[in-house]
Every structure is written in structure tokens, then in C-alpha cells.
Protein backbone atom coordinates (compact mmCIF):
# COMPACT_ATOMS: atom_id res chain seq x y z
CA MET A 1 -121.63 -5.53 40.89
CA GLN A 2 -124.00 -8.16 41.84
CA ALA A 3 -127.78 -7.94 41.43
CA TYR A 4 -128.97 -6.43 44.42
CA ARG A 5 -131.72 -9.22 46.20
CA LYS A 6 -134.38 -7.02 47.84
CA SER A 7 -135.83 -8.70 50.94
CA PHE A 8 -138.93 -8.66 52.37
CA ASN A 9 -139.21 -8.36 56.19
CA GLY A 10 -143.40 -7.98 56.84
CA ASP A 11 -145.75 -10.69 58.20
CA PRO A 12 -144.79 -14.24 56.81
CA MET A 13 -148.31 -14.91 56.59
CA PHE A 14 -149.27 -11.91 54.93
CA PRO A 15 -146.47 -11.72 52.34
CA PHE A 16 -147.50 -8.41 50.98
CA ASP A 17 -146.22 -4.73 50.64
CA LEU A 18 -147.69 -1.58 48.82
CA VAL A 19 -145.68 1.53 48.55
CA TYR A 20 -148.26 4.27 47.39
CA LYS A 21 -147.98 7.19 45.07
CA THR A 22 -144.08 7.91 46.01
CA VAL A 23 -142.24 10.07 44.27
CA LYS A 24 -138.93 8.49 42.65
CA LEU A 25 -136.09 10.67 42.04
CA PRO A 26 -132.56 9.28 40.00
CA ASP A 27 -130.30 9.42 43.39
CA LYS A 28 -132.85 6.87 45.52
CA GLU A 29 -133.42 4.37 43.23
CA LEU A 30 -132.11 0.83 43.63
CA PRO A 31 -129.29 -0.66 41.11
CA ASN A 32 -130.02 -3.21 39.36
CA HIS A 33 -132.12 -5.77 41.86
CA LEU A 34 -134.32 -8.91 42.29
CA HIS A 35 -136.40 -10.58 44.57
CA ASP A 36 -138.79 -13.45 44.79
CA HIS A 37 -142.25 -11.68 44.99
CA TYR A 38 -144.12 -10.49 42.22
CA GLU A 39 -144.30 -7.31 41.54
CA LEU A 40 -146.89 -4.26 39.38
CA VAL A 41 -145.61 -0.79 39.02
CA TYR A 42 -147.92 1.60 37.83
CA ILE A 43 -147.18 5.38 36.48
CA HIS A 44 -149.34 7.77 38.04
CA SER A 45 -147.52 10.94 36.27
CA GLY A 46 -143.67 11.85 35.21
CA THR A 47 -141.19 10.08 32.87
CA GLY A 48 -138.12 7.66 33.05
CA ILE A 49 -137.13 4.20 31.62
CA PHE A 50 -137.47 0.96 33.27
CA PHE A 51 -134.81 -1.71 32.91
CA ILE A 52 -136.53 -5.24 33.06
CA ASP A 53 -134.98 -8.24 31.83
CA ASN A 54 -132.67 -7.09 28.83
CA CYS A 55 -134.96 -4.84 27.74
CA LEU A 56 -135.50 -0.87 27.97
CA TYR A 57 -138.86 0.85 28.24
CA HIS A 58 -139.87 4.47 28.46
CA LYS A 59 -142.39 5.00 31.16
CA SER A 60 -145.53 7.46 31.41
CA ALA A 61 -148.64 8.08 32.84
CA GLY A 62 -150.96 5.32 32.72
CA ASP A 63 -148.15 2.78 31.97
CA LEU A 64 -148.75 -0.72 34.12
CA PHE A 65 -145.39 -2.92 34.48
CA ILE A 66 -145.60 -6.36 35.32
CA ILE A 67 -142.86 -8.23 36.83
CA PRO A 68 -142.75 -11.51 37.61
CA GLY A 69 -140.49 -12.86 40.51
CA ASN A 70 -137.03 -12.94 40.30
CA THR A 71 -136.70 -10.58 37.11
CA ILE A 72 -133.95 -8.27 37.38
CA HIS A 73 -134.76 -4.71 37.00
CA HIS A 74 -133.71 -0.78 37.55
CA SER A 75 -135.46 2.34 37.34
CA LEU A 76 -134.58 5.21 35.89
CA PRO A 77 -136.59 8.33 36.42
CA ASP A 78 -136.32 11.35 35.29
CA LEU A 79 -134.87 14.37 37.04
CA GLU A 80 -136.86 16.84 35.33
CA ASP A 81 -140.35 14.92 35.37
CA PRO A 82 -139.93 13.02 38.19
CA ILE A 83 -142.15 9.61 38.65
CA ILE A 84 -145.12 9.01 40.83
CA SER A 85 -145.57 5.92 41.08
CA THR A 86 -147.46 2.77 43.28
CA ALA A 87 -145.61 -0.42 43.46
CA VAL A 88 -147.33 -3.79 44.36
CA PHE A 89 -145.54 -6.68 45.94
CA PHE A 90 -146.72 -9.97 46.94
CA ALA A 91 -145.71 -13.78 46.65
CA PRO A 92 -147.42 -15.69 44.68
CA THR A 93 -148.79 -17.93 47.18
CA LEU A 94 -150.75 -15.80 48.79
CA ILE A 95 -152.76 -15.38 45.36
CA ALA A 96 -152.29 -18.65 43.16
CA GLY A 97 -153.58 -20.84 46.18
CA HIS A 98 -156.89 -19.55 46.18
CA THR A 99 -158.85 -19.66 42.54
CA LEU A 100 -161.68 -22.29 42.48
CA ASP A 101 -161.01 -23.00 38.88
CA GLU A 102 -158.54 -25.10 37.45
CA SER A 103 -158.45 -23.84 33.92
CA TYR A 104 -157.52 -19.91 35.68
CA SER A 105 -154.26 -19.14 36.80
CA PRO A 106 -154.55 -15.56 38.46
CA LEU A 107 -151.10 -15.13 37.39
CA GLN A 108 -151.35 -15.34 34.16
CA CYS A 109 -150.49 -11.97 33.39
CA PHE A 110 -146.95 -12.72 35.03
CA GLU A 111 -146.22 -15.82 32.99
CA PHE A 112 -147.36 -14.49 29.95
CA ALA A 113 -144.72 -11.82 30.89
CA ARG A 114 -142.32 -13.85 31.44
CA ARG A 115 -142.61 -15.90 28.60
CA LYS A 116 -143.15 -12.96 25.79
CA LYS A 117 -140.29 -10.76 27.90
CA GLN A 118 -143.24 -8.03 27.32
CA TYR A 119 -143.29 -6.51 30.86
CA LYS A 120 -145.36 -2.76 29.99
CA LEU A 121 -148.98 -2.75 29.56
CA GLY A 122 -149.98 0.88 28.81
CA LEU A 123 -153.60 1.57 30.05
CA ALA A 124 -156.56 3.41 28.86
CA GLY A 125 -160.41 4.02 29.57
CA ALA A 126 -161.99 2.18 31.96
CA LEU A 127 -158.97 -0.31 32.75
CA ARG A 128 -157.13 2.49 33.74
CA SER A 129 -159.71 4.00 35.80
CA LEU A 130 -160.17 0.55 37.55
CA VAL A 131 -155.85 0.30 38.42
CA GLU A 132 -156.17 3.33 39.82
CA THR A 133 -159.31 2.84 41.89
CA VAL A 134 -158.07 -0.65 43.31
CA LEU A 135 -154.81 0.53 44.40
CA ALA A 136 -156.59 3.21 45.90
CA GLN A 137 -158.83 0.76 47.65
CA ILE A 138 -155.55 -1.34 49.01
CA ALA A 139 -153.73 1.49 50.42
CA GLU A 140 -156.91 2.61 52.27
CA GLU A 141 -157.27 -1.07 53.74
CA LEU A 142 -153.53 -0.98 54.92
CA ALA A 143 -154.01 2.24 56.36
CA ASN A 144 -156.82 1.46 58.21
CA LYS A 145 -156.43 -1.96 59.44
CA GLU A 146 -160.06 -2.51 59.93
CA ALA A 147 -161.33 -6.57 60.42
CA GLY A 148 -160.71 -8.62 57.36
CA TYR A 149 -158.39 -5.70 55.82
CA ARG A 150 -155.81 -8.69 54.86
CA GLU A 151 -158.58 -10.74 53.16
CA ALA A 152 -160.02 -7.74 51.28
CA VAL A 153 -156.55 -6.87 50.23
CA ARG A 154 -156.11 -10.58 48.74
CA LEU A 155 -159.38 -10.57 47.25
CA THR A 156 -159.08 -7.02 45.73
CA THR A 157 -155.57 -7.87 44.15
CA GLY A 158 -157.01 -11.00 43.32
CA GLN A 159 -159.92 -9.03 41.12
CA LEU A 160 -157.47 -6.51 39.75
CA LEU A 161 -154.92 -9.41 38.38
CA LEU A 162 -158.41 -10.99 37.09
CA GLN A 163 -159.34 -7.89 34.62
CA LEU A 164 -155.71 -8.03 33.51
CA ASN A 165 -155.71 -11.31 32.53
CA ARG A 166 -159.06 -10.82 30.66
CA HIS A 167 -157.62 -7.83 28.75
CA LEU A 168 -154.82 -9.55 28.03
CA LEU A 169 -156.90 -12.78 26.67
CA THR A 170 -159.35 -10.65 24.74
CA ASN A 171 -156.21 -8.44 23.32
CA GLY A 172 -153.90 -11.03 22.47
CA SER A 173 -150.77 -10.11 24.12
CA ILE A 174 -149.17 -7.22 25.87
CA ALA A 175 -149.99 -3.86 24.11
CA HIS A 176 -146.19 -2.55 24.15
CA GLU A 177 -142.99 -4.15 23.56
CA GLY A 178 -139.78 -2.82 24.74
CA THR A 179 -138.30 0.51 23.23
CA PRO A 180 -134.90 -0.58 21.75
CA ILE A 181 -133.33 2.37 23.66
CA GLY A 182 -129.44 2.76 23.77
CA PRO A 183 -127.02 1.23 20.92
CA SER A 184 -128.21 -1.89 19.00
CA TRP A 185 -124.66 -3.56 20.22
CA ILE A 186 -125.82 -3.24 24.12
CA LEU A 187 -129.10 -4.53 22.72
CA GLN A 188 -127.26 -7.75 21.05
CA ALA A 189 -125.05 -8.21 23.94
CA LEU A 190 -128.18 -8.40 26.56
CA LYS A 191 -129.82 -10.67 24.15
CA LYS A 192 -126.82 -13.00 23.85
CA ILE A 193 -126.12 -13.17 27.53
CA ASP A 194 -129.88 -13.96 28.02
CA GLU A 195 -130.65 -16.56 25.88
CA HIS A 196 -127.33 -18.67 26.99
CA PRO A 197 -125.85 -17.70 30.48
CA GLU A 198 -124.43 -20.58 30.66
CA ARG A 199 -121.82 -20.50 28.66
CA GLU A 200 -118.21 -18.90 28.86
CA ILE A 201 -118.86 -15.04 28.23
CA HIS A 202 -115.82 -12.55 28.24
CA LEU A 203 -116.13 -8.92 28.32
CA SER A 204 -113.34 -9.15 25.88
CA ASP A 205 -115.45 -11.12 23.00
CA LEU A 206 -118.69 -9.10 23.42
CA ALA A 207 -116.48 -5.77 22.83
CA ARG A 208 -114.54 -7.20 20.08
CA GLU A 209 -118.27 -8.44 18.33
CA ALA A 210 -119.34 -4.85 18.93
CA CYS A 211 -116.40 -3.21 17.13
CA VAL A 212 -116.10 -1.30 20.37
CA SER A 213 -113.07 -0.69 22.89
CA THR A 214 -113.68 -2.91 26.44
CA SER A 215 -113.51 0.09 28.17
CA HIS A 216 -116.10 1.83 26.07
CA PHE A 217 -118.20 -1.24 26.13
CA SER A 218 -117.71 -1.87 30.30
CA ARG A 219 -118.86 1.89 30.52
CA VAL A 220 -122.32 1.99 28.28
CA PHE A 221 -123.16 -1.64 29.53
CA ARG A 222 -122.99 -0.44 32.97
CA GLN A 223 -124.59 2.69 32.15
CA PHE A 224 -127.39 0.70 30.76
CA THR A 225 -127.64 -2.11 33.47
CA THR A 226 -125.85 -0.68 36.48
CA MET A 227 -123.72 -3.72 36.54
CA HIS A 228 -120.39 -5.03 35.28
CA VAL A 229 -120.79 -7.86 32.65
CA THR A 230 -119.42 -10.33 34.90
CA GLY A 231 -122.13 -9.56 37.86
CA TYR A 232 -125.05 -9.32 35.15
CA VAL A 233 -124.05 -13.10 33.66
CA ASN A 234 -124.05 -14.25 37.16
CA ALA A 235 -127.28 -12.70 38.01
CA LYS A 236 -128.84 -14.54 34.84
CA ARG A 237 -127.15 -17.97 35.96
CA ILE A 238 -128.82 -17.81 39.49
CA ILE A 239 -132.33 -16.91 37.92
CA LYS A 240 -131.97 -19.67 35.76
CA ALA A 241 -130.61 -22.07 38.67
CA LYS A 242 -133.09 -20.87 41.27
CA GLU A 243 -135.79 -22.31 38.42
CA ARG A 244 -134.11 -25.62 38.47
CA LEU A 245 -133.73 -25.83 42.19
CA ALA A 246 -137.16 -25.11 42.47
CA TYR A 247 -138.81 -27.20 40.01
CA SER A 248 -136.79 -29.93 39.29
CA ASP A 249 -134.86 -33.15 41.06
CA ASP A 250 -131.30 -32.25 39.47
CA ASN A 251 -128.68 -32.76 41.91
CA VAL A 252 -127.19 -29.31 43.03
CA ASN A 253 -123.98 -30.23 41.34
CA ASP A 254 -125.28 -31.27 38.22
CA ILE A 255 -127.20 -27.77 38.46
CA ALA A 256 -124.15 -25.98 39.00
CA GLU A 257 -122.47 -27.56 35.92
CA LYS A 258 -125.58 -26.84 33.57
CA CYS A 259 -125.83 -23.35 34.89
CA GLY A 260 -122.40 -22.65 33.62
CA TYR A 261 -119.85 -23.21 36.87
CA GLU A 262 -116.73 -24.91 36.42
CA THR A 263 -117.01 -26.41 40.46
CA PRO A 264 -119.87 -26.74 42.87
CA THR A 265 -117.93 -24.24 45.33
CA HIS A 266 -118.07 -21.41 42.89
CA PHE A 267 -121.72 -21.84 42.28
CA TYR A 268 -122.67 -21.74 46.18
CA ARG A 269 -120.60 -18.92 46.68
CA VAL A 270 -122.17 -16.86 43.88
CA PHE A 271 -125.39 -18.58 44.85
CA LYS A 272 -125.62 -17.01 48.25
CA SER A 273 -123.72 -13.72 47.87
CA VAL A 274 -127.11 -13.38 45.37
CA THR A 275 -129.87 -14.82 46.90
CA GLY A 276 -128.59 -14.79 50.46
CA GLU A 277 -129.55 -18.70 50.92
CA THR A 278 -127.45 -21.68 50.09
CA PRO A 279 -129.00 -23.77 46.99
CA GLY A 280 -130.18 -26.54 49.55
CA GLN A 281 -131.70 -23.78 52.03
CA TYR A 282 -133.55 -22.22 48.74
CA ARG A 283 -134.78 -25.50 47.37
CA THR A 284 -135.77 -26.77 50.97
CA ARG A 285 -137.77 -23.02 51.69
CA CYS A 286 -139.50 -23.71 48.20
CA ARG A 287 -141.04 -27.09 48.53
CA SER A 288 -142.00 -26.05 52.06
CA VAL A 289 -143.93 -23.28 50.84
CA SER A 290 -145.34 -25.62 47.71
CA ILE A 291 -146.65 -28.06 50.23
CA LYS A 292 -148.70 -25.70 52.15
């Protein structure tokens, strides 16, 4: 099972989407998925677990999850105490291209989350109230669609990110790291894959290192990631390939080899199955966006 690639079919001139105060039930949640858009998820009430990258987090009221683009994640809400949450999705170019301060990046909180692999921020007091107020304002703007509503949404989102970035600068780090939920051998396997997805990784080797049977390892691994080992490794490799395609001039065949694929044909096939595009199409799209 590959990581599902979520697509956004809205206005390409306004790459923004809001899913406001929805009830999240286990049978309605997507399996492991990723997308190019950056995402903020705020928990209004309820409990559950969030799998992001290779870590598991408890979810409860007041939590904000900061998820950079192309990060594998899925939600596991509690059936007895379902989550009510708001999700904000946007293309980074919508926000990042409008700063007047060269020393400031509106996407700093996402960069921090990706670098530190810390995606959960517990909110309290004034910051929590501000986040809830801003989300309500964005929902109202999108519902009413008055003149200038898109600009209002962009500016309001930028203000929200500014406050989050200032909070991180003041406090020095995101408040809560992922909770080590689940067997330590699963967490070790996830860490191993995350650190070197390009290496040859077999289910049998992971199971032997964990001192469990391959069937037990596979069952528990899928329970926590919603994916088989091969699908998870491929998703991690494609994330690495996308970064190289977007930010380097490396030949596509060289990228395929550096990401663990023995042949360019295999790489092309897996890349398109995960992203919906060929490597060349993805690189062209990324560069056309950066030029704009």
C-alpha cells in the first residue's frame, strides 16, 4: 500500500483550503497520505493519535499540528471521544512570496518542525485564543466571499504564522515532542528507514532485529503506519527524490540511484504512482512556480 497522495482541485490562483470544525471519525480518515500543500491542524476537542513522519502524537484540545509539505501523516481519532478539528491547507508560494523582511520567513515554523522533527505545539492562554479567533475569521471570509476575501485570508493566515513564529523564537522550541507510543522496536524501525531510506531494507531483516516474526512485525507496522514496509520505504524515497528534483540540478537518473532505485524505469514507475506525475513533470512544475 503506497502513501496516498492527496490532491487539491481549487483555484490555482488561490491555493488555499480550510476544513473548519469537522468531526473526525476513524472510518472516515485517510490512510497514510502526503501532499505538496503545507498544513495546520488545530484540535478543538476530543482525543486521538496523530502519526506524522515517523512519530506518534497524542491529540487533545488546544493542540496545533504543524505539517510541512510532503510529510507522511495520518490521523487516528478516538471512537468514544471523537476529534473536532480545523485543518488549513495552503501552497507555500501563497504566503512566502509576500514578505518585506529578508530576515523573516513566514514558513519558519514549518522549517523548524521539519528540521527538528517536532510537529506538535500545545497552545494555551492568549496564543490559543488567537488561533481560534483567526480560524473563525478565515472561515467567515471564505463563507461570505466579500470583496477582497482572498487577500483577507492570505493576510490573516500570515498574521497567524507570524504569531506562531514569534512564539517559537521566544520559547526556543516546539513545546511537545512526539510521545513514544507503541513498541520500541517499531519506533527503531521507523527511525532506521527515516535516516536512510535509500538503503536496501527488507521486512525479514527488520523483524530479525526486532526479535519478532515477520508476520507479527508486518501486522504491527501496518497498524501504526497503515502501510506495508515496502510502501513506506518507497514513500520516504520519493519524498527525498522530490527535494532533489526541486532544489538541485542533479540528473534524474542520478537522483534515482541516490534514492535507492536500481533502474530509472523502476524509479519513474514508483514516482508516478505516488505523486501522479513523472519526475520531469514535477521538476518543471516546481521551477515554474519558483520563477513566478
